Every structure is written in structure tokens, then in C-alpha cells.
Amino acid sequence: MANVDLVDTELANLNITDEEEDPMVVLGENKADKKLHDLCLVGRVLTNSVVNFPSLRNTLADLWHPLRGVSITELKNKRILFRFYSEIDLKRVLDGMPWFFN
């Protein structure tokens, strides 16, 4: 009976307001996510004009000729995600910088 009274007292003192922060749960590092992003780069188009993303994607893929392929995804604010499927392809692209072209 004492446990029930203690629980009732604790519940009566419980105060939840909008000012409290959301609880944060920290789980262990997800190695699958880390590995997924190991071969990724994020780039950005530095122009105020409209960008024809399919043309940009095709041009970069033709310039780089990745052996195992590259996935080029358009993100927000003219940012681009490049996901390579081989460390060799990623290294070749990084060694071939800068990426400026007309």
C-alpha cells in the first residue's frame, strides 16, 4: 500500500510544460550509416541562374567516368550529393579537382 501512495504522490507532483526540452535518446553509433556515407561528397553550384540538373549530372558523369558508378542526387539550395561506389573513383575525382567547367 505504501508503494501505491508513493506513486500517487509522485504523479501528483509531475509537471509537464511546453518549456521542457524534448527528451534526447542517444543510441550507439550506427556503423551501417557511417559506411553508407564514407564514399559521399556534397557539392554546390555557385551561380544565381537556374541550373539544369539533368545536364549537370550527365556532364559530370561523362567527365569523371567512374568505374563502379556514381549516384548524383539534387538536394536543396543548389546542393548536390555525390555517392560513389568505389574508393578509387572517389579518389580520382578528388585528385582531379577543381571541378570548375563551363
C-alpha atoms as a PDB file:
ATOM      1  CA  MET A   1       0.000   0.000   0.000  1.00  0.00           C
ATOM      2  CA  ALA A   2       2.914   2.323   0.703  1.00  0.00           C
ATOM      3  CA  ASN A   3       4.122   1.905  -2.891  1.00  0.00           C
ATOM      4  CA  VAL A   4       0.739   2.984  -4.233  1.00  0.00           C
ATOM      5  CA  ASP A   5       0.793   6.098  -2.037  1.00  0.00           C
ATOM      6  CA  LEU A   6       4.332   6.892  -3.206  1.00  0.00           C
ATOM      7  CA  VAL A   7       3.337   6.551  -6.858  1.00  0.00           C
ATOM      8  CA  ASP A   8       0.264   8.725  -6.293  1.00  0.00           C
ATOM      9  CA  THR A   9       2.409  11.392  -4.642  1.00  0.00           C
ATOM     10  CA  GLU A  10       4.978  11.339  -7.452  1.00  0.00           C
ATOM     11  CA  LEU A  11       2.265  11.543 -10.105  1.00  0.00           C
ATOM     12  CA  ALA A  12       0.651  14.457  -8.283  1.00  0.00           C
ATOM     13  CA  ASN A  13       3.989  16.311  -8.331  1.00  0.00           C
ATOM     14  CA  LEU A  14       4.593  15.581 -12.018  1.00  0.00           C
ATOM     15  CA  ASN A  15       4.633  18.788 -14.027  1.00  0.00           C
ATOM     16  CA  ILE A  16       4.913  18.771 -17.819  1.00  0.00           C
ATOM     17  CA  THR A  17       5.087  22.139 -19.556  1.00  0.00           C
ATOM     18  CA  ASP A  18       5.885  23.308 -23.058  1.00  0.00           C
ATOM     19  CA  GLU A  19       9.087  24.849 -21.744  1.00  0.00           C
ATOM     20  CA  GLU A  20      10.672  21.481 -21.071  1.00  0.00           C
ATOM     21  CA  GLU A  21      13.037  20.140 -23.677  1.00  0.00           C
ATOM     22  CA  ASP A  22      12.215  17.094 -25.731  1.00  0.00           C
ATOM     23  CA  PRO A  23      13.930  14.002 -24.407  1.00  0.00           C
ATOM     24  CA  MET A  24      17.029  13.036 -26.329  1.00  0.00           C
ATOM     25  CA  VAL A  25      17.883   9.395 -26.736  1.00  0.00           C
ATOM     26  CA  VAL A  26      21.438   8.624 -27.747  1.00  0.00           C
ATOM     27  CA  LEU A  27      21.898   5.223 -29.241  1.00  0.00           C
ATOM     28  CA  GLY A  28      25.166   3.646 -30.261  1.00  0.00           C
ATOM     29  CA  GLU A  29      26.882   4.726 -33.442  1.00  0.00           C
ATOM     30  CA  ASN A  30      25.237   3.124 -36.443  1.00  0.00           C
ATOM     31  CA  LYS A  31      28.135   1.704 -38.442  1.00  0.00           C
ATOM     32  CA  ALA A  32      25.908   0.969 -41.440  1.00  0.00           C
ATOM     33  CA  ASP A  33      25.040   4.682 -41.769  1.00  0.00           C
ATOM     34  CA  LYS A  34      28.683   5.666 -41.397  1.00  0.00           C
ATOM     35  CA  LYS A  35      29.740   3.221 -44.088  1.00  0.00           C
ATOM     36  CA  LEU A  36      26.920   4.435 -46.338  1.00  0.00           C
ATOM     37  CA  HIS A  37      28.286   7.989 -46.236  1.00  0.00           C
ATOM     38  CA  ASP A  38      32.003   7.149 -46.393  1.00  0.00           C
ATOM     39  CA  LEU A  39      32.110   7.481 -50.174  1.00  0.00           C
ATOM     40  CA  CYS A  40      29.922  10.601 -50.428  1.00  0.00           C
ATOM     41  CA  LEU A  41      30.653  14.199 -51.294  1.00  0.00           C
ATOM     42  CA  VAL A  42      28.373  17.220 -51.195  1.00  0.00           C
ATOM     43  CA  GLY A  43      28.874  19.924 -53.800  1.00  0.00           C
ATOM     44  CA  ARG A  44      27.199  23.192 -54.584  1.00  0.00           C
ATOM     45  CA  VAL A  45      26.514  25.078 -57.796  1.00  0.00           C
ATOM     46  CA  LEU A  46      27.872  28.618 -57.455  1.00  0.00           C
ATOM     47  CA  THR A  47      25.593  30.579 -59.762  1.00  0.00           C
ATOM     48  CA  ASN A  48      22.495  32.726 -59.394  1.00  0.00           C
ATOM     49  CA  SER A  49      20.986  31.430 -62.627  1.00  0.00           C
ATOM     50  CA  VAL A  50      18.755  28.385 -62.999  1.00  0.00           C
ATOM     51  CA  VAL A  51      20.611  25.065 -63.112  1.00  0.00           C
ATOM     52  CA  ASN A  52      19.590  22.296 -65.498  1.00  0.00           C
ATOM     53  CA  PHE A  53      20.273  19.433 -63.098  1.00  0.00           C
ATOM     54  CA  PRO A  54      19.967  16.536 -65.607  1.00  0.00           C
ATOM     55  CA  SER A  55      22.544  18.213 -67.879  1.00  0.00           C
ATOM     56  CA  LEU A  56      24.864  18.865 -64.948  1.00  0.00           C
ATOM     57  CA  ARG A  57      24.551  15.254 -63.795  1.00  0.00           C
ATOM     58  CA  ASN A  58      25.277  13.866 -67.266  1.00  0.00           C
ATOM     59  CA  THR A  59      28.228  16.219 -67.809  1.00  0.00           C
ATOM     60  CA  LEU A  60      29.889  15.318 -64.504  1.00  0.00           C
ATOM     61  CA  ALA A  61      29.342  11.591 -65.036  1.00  0.00           C
ATOM     62  CA  ASP A  62      30.892  11.899 -68.527  1.00  0.00           C
ATOM     63  CA  LEU A  63      33.870  13.866 -67.185  1.00  0.00           C
ATOM     64  CA  TRP A  64      34.595  11.501 -64.318  1.00  0.00           C
ATOM     65  CA  HIS A  65      33.934   8.117 -65.990  1.00  0.00           C
ATOM     66  CA  PRO A  66      33.564   6.262 -62.660  1.00  0.00           C
ATOM     67  CA  LEU A  67      34.383   2.557 -62.924  1.00  0.00           C
ATOM     68  CA  ARG A  68      31.719   1.410 -60.457  1.00  0.00           C
ATOM     69  CA  GLY A  69      29.329   4.292 -60.963  1.00  0.00           C
ATOM     70  CA  VAL A  70      28.191   7.367 -59.100  1.00  0.00           C
ATOM     71  CA  SER A  71      24.763   8.405 -57.889  1.00  0.00           C
ATOM     72  CA  ILE A  72      24.179  12.152 -58.258  1.00  0.00           C
ATOM     73  CA  THR A  73      21.198  13.489 -56.308  1.00  0.00           C
ATOM     74  CA  GLU A  74      19.854  17.034 -56.257  1.00  0.00           C
ATOM     75  CA  LEU A  75      19.440  18.461 -52.752  1.00  0.00           C
ATOM     76  CA  LYS A  76      18.010  21.811 -51.613  1.00  0.00           C
ATOM     77  CA  ASN A  77      19.689  25.188 -52.238  1.00  0.00           C
ATOM     78  CA  LYS A  78      21.623  24.029 -55.329  1.00  0.00           C
ATOM     79  CA  ARG A  79      23.498  21.406 -53.329  1.00  0.00           C
ATOM     80  CA  ILE A  80      24.304  18.040 -54.858  1.00  0.00           C
ATOM     81  CA  LEU A  81      25.035  14.698 -53.198  1.00  0.00           C
ATOM     82  CA  PHE A  82      27.592  12.517 -54.966  1.00  0.00           C
ATOM     83  CA  ARG A  83      27.612   8.885 -53.785  1.00  0.00           C
ATOM     84  CA  PHE A  84      30.462   6.853 -55.219  1.00  0.00           C
ATOM     85  CA  TYR A  85      30.540   3.063 -55.193  1.00  0.00           C
ATOM     86  CA  SER A  86      34.308   2.713 -55.200  1.00  0.00           C
ATOM     87  CA  GLU A  87      37.024   4.372 -53.155  1.00  0.00           C
ATOM     88  CA  ILE A  88      39.159   4.501 -56.302  1.00  0.00           C
ATOM     89  CA  ASP A  89      36.501   6.532 -58.143  1.00  0.00           C
ATOM     90  CA  LEU A  90      36.192   8.954 -55.226  1.00  0.00           C
ATOM     91  CA  LYS A  91      39.969   9.407 -55.041  1.00  0.00           C
ATOM     92  CA  ARG A  92      40.213  10.025 -58.800  1.00  0.00           C
ATOM     93  CA  VAL A  93      37.569  12.754 -58.580  1.00  0.00           C
ATOM     94  CA  LEU A  94      39.192  14.408 -55.557  1.00  0.00           C
ATOM     95  CA  ASP A  95      42.641  14.273 -57.173  1.00  0.00           C
ATOM     96  CA  GLY A  96      41.218  15.792 -60.364  1.00  0.00           C
ATOM     97  CA  MET A  97      39.916  18.944 -58.647  1.00  0.00           C
ATOM     98  CA  PRO A  98      38.969  21.734 -59.199  1.00  0.00           C
ATOM     99  CA  TRP A  99      35.539  20.940 -60.600  1.00  0.00           C
ATOM    100  CA  PHE A 100      35.000  24.152 -62.492  1.00  0.00           C
ATOM    101  CA  PHE A 101      33.644  23.876 -66.007  1.00  0.00           C
ATOM    102  CA  ASN A 102      31.540  25.895 -68.430  1.00  0.00           C
END
